Amino acid sequence: MMRRIGAGALAYLVPTFALGFVWHLVAFKGYYDTLAMYRRDVIIPLGFLSMALQAVLFAWVFDSAFARGQRSAWRRGAYFAAFGAVLSWSFTTLAVAAKNVMSSVPDYLLIESAFTLAQWAMVGPLMALALSRVQPAAPRVPTEI
């Protein structure tokens, strides 16, 4: 089970960190600067730790609720992407917009909704692919002494 969770966690962590870094700190840095809501000195290790925790939990959820069944790996990934996107959007976009000071809530909702869609369009299929390639451990059969 640890190999499966590890594979799933990497399938979440690698694209999420790469996309998050480029999206927030390079490609749309000016957009976020205009929103005037982030620290000047973003603490990247805290963001990475947050993503690492999310990665393990999302991998566990995928393995527990989405990894098995009759659906193809692609469909399992799509269902998981929809689930993950809605859940993530609720705490990374809606909750942040509700409690943080920013120059434009609609602009923030737009850019973060786009980020969440891009993130989960990658993570859902990657998680399904990663876990489809790591076989679940065979059940342990008790042996007599």
C-alpha atoms as a PDB file:
ATOM      1  CA  MET A   1       0.000   0.000   0.000  1.00  0.00           C
ATOM      2  CA  MET A   2       2.883   2.378   0.723  1.00  0.00           C
ATOM      3  CA  ARG A   3       4.158   2.033  -2.873  1.00  0.00           C
ATOM      4  CA  ARG A   4       0.702   2.858  -4.212  1.00  0.00           C
ATOM      5  CA  ILE A   5       0.296   5.895  -1.973  1.00  0.00           C
ATOM      6  CA  GLY A   6       3.845   6.995  -2.819  1.00  0.00           C
ATOM      7  CA  ALA A   7       3.224   6.674  -6.556  1.00  0.00           C
ATOM      8  CA  GLY A   8      -0.055   8.549  -6.263  1.00  0.00           C
ATOM      9  CA  ALA A   9       1.491  11.245  -4.083  1.00  0.00           C
ATOM     10  CA  LEU A  10       4.241  11.834  -6.654  1.00  0.00           C
ATOM     11  CA  ALA A  11       1.607  11.985  -9.416  1.00  0.00           C
ATOM     12  CA  TYR A  12       0.004  14.841  -7.464  1.00  0.00           C
ATOM     13  CA  LEU A  13       3.063  16.585  -6.047  1.00  0.00           C
ATOM     14  CA  VAL A  14       5.295  16.879  -9.119  1.00  0.00           C
ATOM     15  CA  PRO A  15       2.807  18.491 -11.528  1.00  0.00           C
ATOM     16  CA  THR A  16       1.127  20.546  -8.802  1.00  0.00           C
ATOM     17  CA  PHE A  17       4.392  22.045  -7.577  1.00  0.00           C
ATOM     18  CA  ALA A  18       5.730  22.659 -11.081  1.00  0.00           C
ATOM     19  CA  LEU A  19       2.490  24.211 -12.319  1.00  0.00           C
ATOM     20  CA  GLY A  20       1.976  26.178  -9.095  1.00  0.00           C
ATOM     21  CA  PHE A  21       5.483  27.632  -9.190  1.00  0.00           C
ATOM     22  CA  VAL A  22       5.329  28.629 -12.852  1.00  0.00           C
ATOM     23  CA  TRP A  23       1.701  29.797 -12.711  1.00  0.00           C
ATOM     24  CA  HIS A  24       1.893  31.914  -9.552  1.00  0.00           C
ATOM     25  CA  LEU A  25       5.496  33.106  -9.556  1.00  0.00           C
ATOM     26  CA  VAL A  26       6.379  33.390 -13.261  1.00  0.00           C
ATOM     27  CA  ALA A  27       3.604  33.308 -15.876  1.00  0.00           C
ATOM     28  CA  PHE A  28       0.948  35.256 -13.937  1.00  0.00           C
ATOM     29  CA  LYS A  29       3.149  37.004 -11.380  1.00  0.00           C
ATOM     30  CA  GLY A  30       2.033  40.447 -12.591  1.00  0.00           C
ATOM     31  CA  TYR A  31      -1.628  39.408 -12.371  1.00  0.00           C
ATOM     32  CA  TYR A  32      -1.166  38.261  -8.778  1.00  0.00           C
ATOM     33  CA  ASP A  33       0.864  41.382  -7.946  1.00  0.00           C
ATOM     34  CA  THR A  34      -2.090  43.453  -9.141  1.00  0.00           C
ATOM     35  CA  LEU A  35      -4.370  41.487  -6.832  1.00  0.00           C
ATOM     36  CA  ALA A  36      -2.133  42.687  -3.962  1.00  0.00           C
ATOM     37  CA  MET A  37      -2.815  39.697  -1.750  1.00  0.00           C
ATOM     38  CA  TYR A  38       0.454  37.735  -1.529  1.00  0.00           C
ATOM     39  CA  ARG A  39       3.588  38.312   0.502  1.00  0.00           C
ATOM     40  CA  ARG A  40       6.550  39.804  -1.327  1.00  0.00           C
ATOM     41  CA  ASP A  41       8.725  37.002   0.048  1.00  0.00           C
ATOM     42  CA  VAL A  42       6.670  33.881  -0.623  1.00  0.00           C
ATOM     43  CA  ILE A  43       7.792  31.039   1.665  1.00  0.00           C
ATOM     44  CA  ILE A  44       8.179  28.236  -0.873  1.00  0.00           C
ATOM     45  CA  PRO A  45       9.001  25.469   1.669  1.00  0.00           C
ATOM     46  CA  LEU A  46       5.647  26.049   3.413  1.00  0.00           C
ATOM     47  CA  GLY A  47       3.822  25.820   0.083  1.00  0.00           C
ATOM     48  CA  PHE A  48       5.716  22.632  -0.747  1.00  0.00           C
ATOM     49  CA  LEU A  49       4.873  21.130   2.658  1.00  0.00           C
ATOM     50  CA  SER A  50       1.213  21.970   2.108  1.00  0.00           C
ATOM     51  CA  MET A  51       1.298  20.273  -1.299  1.00  0.00           C
ATOM     52  CA  ALA A  52       3.110  17.237   0.112  1.00  0.00           C
ATOM     53  CA  LEU A  53       0.408  16.748   2.756  1.00  0.00           C
ATOM     54  CA  GLN A  54      -2.302  17.177   0.134  1.00  0.00           C
ATOM     55  CA  ALA A  55      -0.473  14.708  -2.127  1.00  0.00           C
ATOM     56  CA  VAL A  56      -0.499  11.931   0.464  1.00  0.00           C
ATOM     57  CA  LEU A  57      -4.139  12.513   1.384  1.00  0.00           C
ATOM     58  CA  PHE A  58      -5.364  12.779  -2.205  1.00  0.00           C
ATOM     59  CA  ALA A  59      -3.389   9.633  -3.118  1.00  0.00           C
ATOM     60  CA  TRP A  60      -5.020   7.788  -0.219  1.00  0.00           C
ATOM     61  CA  VAL A  61      -8.487   9.009  -1.280  1.00  0.00           C
ATOM     62  CA  PHE A  62      -7.856   7.942  -4.870  1.00  0.00           C
ATOM     63  CA  ASP A  63      -6.589   4.524  -3.802  1.00  0.00           C
ATOM     64  CA  SER A  64      -9.484   4.034  -1.386  1.00  0.00           C
ATOM     65  CA  ALA A  65     -12.372   5.342  -3.456  1.00  0.00           C
ATOM     66  CA  PHE A  66     -11.439   5.615  -7.145  1.00  0.00           C
ATOM     67  CA  ALA A  67      -8.685   3.112  -7.992  1.00  0.00           C
ATOM     68  CA  ARG A  68     -10.783  -0.009  -8.241  1.00  0.00           C
ATOM     69  CA  GLY A  69     -13.833  -0.951 -10.201  1.00  0.00           C
ATOM     70  CA  GLN A  70     -14.901  -1.700 -13.703  1.00  0.00           C
ATOM     71  CA  ARG A  71     -14.178   1.744 -15.138  1.00  0.00           C
ATOM     72  CA  SER A  72     -11.140   2.311 -17.317  1.00  0.00           C
ATOM     73  CA  ALA A  73      -8.140   4.075 -15.800  1.00  0.00           C
ATOM     74  CA  TRP A  74      -9.016   7.125 -17.900  1.00  0.00           C
ATOM     75  CA  ARG A  75     -12.554   7.273 -16.450  1.00  0.00           C
ATOM     76  CA  ARG A  76     -11.315   6.754 -12.897  1.00  0.00           C
ATOM     77  CA  GLY A  77      -8.900   9.631 -13.471  1.00  0.00           C
ATOM     78  CA  ALA A  78     -11.650  11.832 -14.881  1.00  0.00           C
ATOM     79  CA  TYR A  79     -13.995  11.154 -11.953  1.00  0.00           C
ATOM     80  CA  PHE A  80     -11.175  11.774  -9.502  1.00  0.00           C
ATOM     81  CA  ALA A  81     -10.194  14.979 -11.304  1.00  0.00           C
ATOM     82  CA  ALA A  82     -13.762  16.261 -10.999  1.00  0.00           C
ATOM     83  CA  PHE A  83     -13.881  15.339  -7.303  1.00  0.00           C
ATOM     84  CA  GLY A  84     -10.441  16.818  -6.589  1.00  0.00           C
ATOM     85  CA  ALA A  85     -11.092  19.999  -8.551  1.00  0.00           C
ATOM     86  CA  VAL A  86     -14.332  20.772  -6.715  1.00  0.00           C
ATOM     87  CA  LEU A  87     -12.832  19.968  -3.312  1.00  0.00           C
ATOM     88  CA  SER A  88      -9.643  21.943  -3.986  1.00  0.00           C
ATOM     89  CA  TRP A  89     -11.577  24.854  -5.464  1.00  0.00           C
ATOM     90  CA  SER A  90     -13.635  25.053  -2.273  1.00  0.00           C
ATOM     91  CA  PHE A  91     -10.604  25.583  -0.028  1.00  0.00           C
ATOM     92  CA  THR A  92      -8.040  27.170  -2.356  1.00  0.00           C
ATOM     93  CA  THR A  93     -10.310  29.555  -4.199  1.00  0.00           C
ATOM     94  CA  LEU A  94     -13.642  30.176  -2.496  1.00  0.00           C
ATOM     95  CA  ALA A  95     -12.351  30.192   1.092  1.00  0.00           C
ATOM     96  CA  VAL A  96      -9.339  32.350   0.209  1.00  0.00           C
ATOM     97  CA  ALA A  97     -11.536  34.846  -1.657  1.00  0.00           C
ATOM     98  CA  ALA A  98     -13.887  34.981   1.314  1.00  0.00           C
ATOM     99  CA  LYS A  99     -11.244  35.867   3.910  1.00  0.00           C
ATOM    100  CA  ASN A 100      -8.223  37.483   2.234  1.00  0.00           C
ATOM    101  CA  VAL A 101      -7.797  41.105   1.275  1.00  0.00           C
ATOM    102  CA  MET A 102      -7.334  41.526  -2.480  1.00  0.00           C
ATOM    103  CA  SER A 103      -7.937  44.214  -5.071  1.00  0.00           C
ATOM    104  CA  SER A 104     -10.521  42.183  -7.022  1.00  0.00           C
ATOM    105  CA  VAL A 105     -12.383  39.102  -5.841  1.00  0.00           C
ATOM    106  CA  PRO A 106     -13.779  38.367  -9.349  1.00  0.00           C
ATOM    107  CA  ASP A 107     -10.279  38.531 -10.869  1.00  0.00           C
ATOM    108  CA  TYR A 108      -8.953  36.206  -8.174  1.00  0.00           C
ATOM    109  CA  LEU A 109     -11.820  33.752  -8.691  1.00  0.00           C
ATOM    110  CA  LEU A 110     -11.106  33.747 -12.427  1.00  0.00           C
ATOM    111  CA  ILE A 111      -7.355  33.092 -12.227  1.00  0.00           C
ATOM    112  CA  GLU A 112      -7.544  30.536  -9.408  1.00  0.00           C
ATOM    113  CA  SER A 113     -10.436  28.682 -11.042  1.00  0.00           C
ATOM    114  CA  ALA A 114      -8.338  28.424 -14.201  1.00  0.00           C
ATOM    115  CA  PHE A 115      -5.388  27.170 -12.145  1.00  0.00           C
ATOM    116  CA  THR A 116      -7.525  24.536 -10.425  1.00  0.00           C
ATOM    117  CA  LEU A 117      -8.862  23.284 -13.765  1.00  0.00           C
ATOM    118  CA  ALA A 118      -5.355  23.098 -15.248  1.00  0.00           C
ATOM    119  CA  GLN A 119      -4.003  21.359 -12.151  1.00  0.00           C
ATOM    120  CA  TRP A 120      -6.673  18.673 -11.990  1.00  0.00           C
ATOM    121  CA  ALA A 121      -6.670  18.122 -15.753  1.00  0.00           C
ATOM    122  CA  MET A 122      -3.106  16.900 -15.182  1.00  0.00           C
ATOM    123  CA  VAL A 123      -3.367  15.313 -11.736  1.00  0.00           C
ATOM    124  CA  GLY A 124      -6.476  13.154 -12.270  1.00  0.00           C
ATOM    125  CA  PRO A 125      -5.149  11.225 -15.268  1.00  0.00           C
ATOM    126  CA  LEU A 126      -1.615  11.029 -13.837  1.00  0.00           C
ATOM    127  CA  MET A 127      -2.884   9.613 -10.549  1.00  0.00           C
ATOM    128  CA  ALA A 128      -4.978   7.011 -12.387  1.00  0.00           C
ATOM    129  CA  LEU A 129      -2.042   6.084 -14.596  1.00  0.00           C
ATOM    130  CA  ALA A 130       0.413   5.882 -11.695  1.00  0.00           C
ATOM    131  CA  LEU A 131      -1.823   3.696  -9.569  1.00  0.00           C
ATOM    132  CA  SER A 132      -2.853   1.471 -12.474  1.00  0.00           C
ATOM    133  CA  ARG A 133       0.830   0.569 -12.877  1.00  0.00           C
ATOM    134  CA  VAL A 134       1.434  -0.266  -9.202  1.00  0.00           C
ATOM    135  CA  GLN A 135      -0.357  -3.461  -8.283  1.00  0.00           C
ATOM    136  CA  PRO A 136      -2.097  -3.650  -4.924  1.00  0.00           C
ATOM    137  CA  ALA A 137      -0.383  -5.899  -2.422  1.00  0.00           C
ATOM    138  CA  ALA A 138      -1.690  -9.439  -2.378  1.00  0.00           C
ATOM    139  CA  PRO A 139      -3.769 -10.194   0.697  1.00  0.00           C
ATOM    140  CA  ARG A 140      -1.778 -11.886   3.403  1.00  0.00           C
ATOM    141  CA  VAL A 141      -2.788 -15.443   4.056  1.00  0.00           C
ATOM    142  CA  PRO A 142      -2.303 -16.499   7.665  1.00  0.00           C
ATOM    143  CA  THR A 143      -0.032 -19.455   8.076  1.00  0.00           C
ATOM    144  CA  GLU A 144      -0.335 -22.017  10.780  1.00  0.00           C
ATOM    145  CA  ILE A 145       2.441 -22.357  13.278  1.00  0.00           C
END
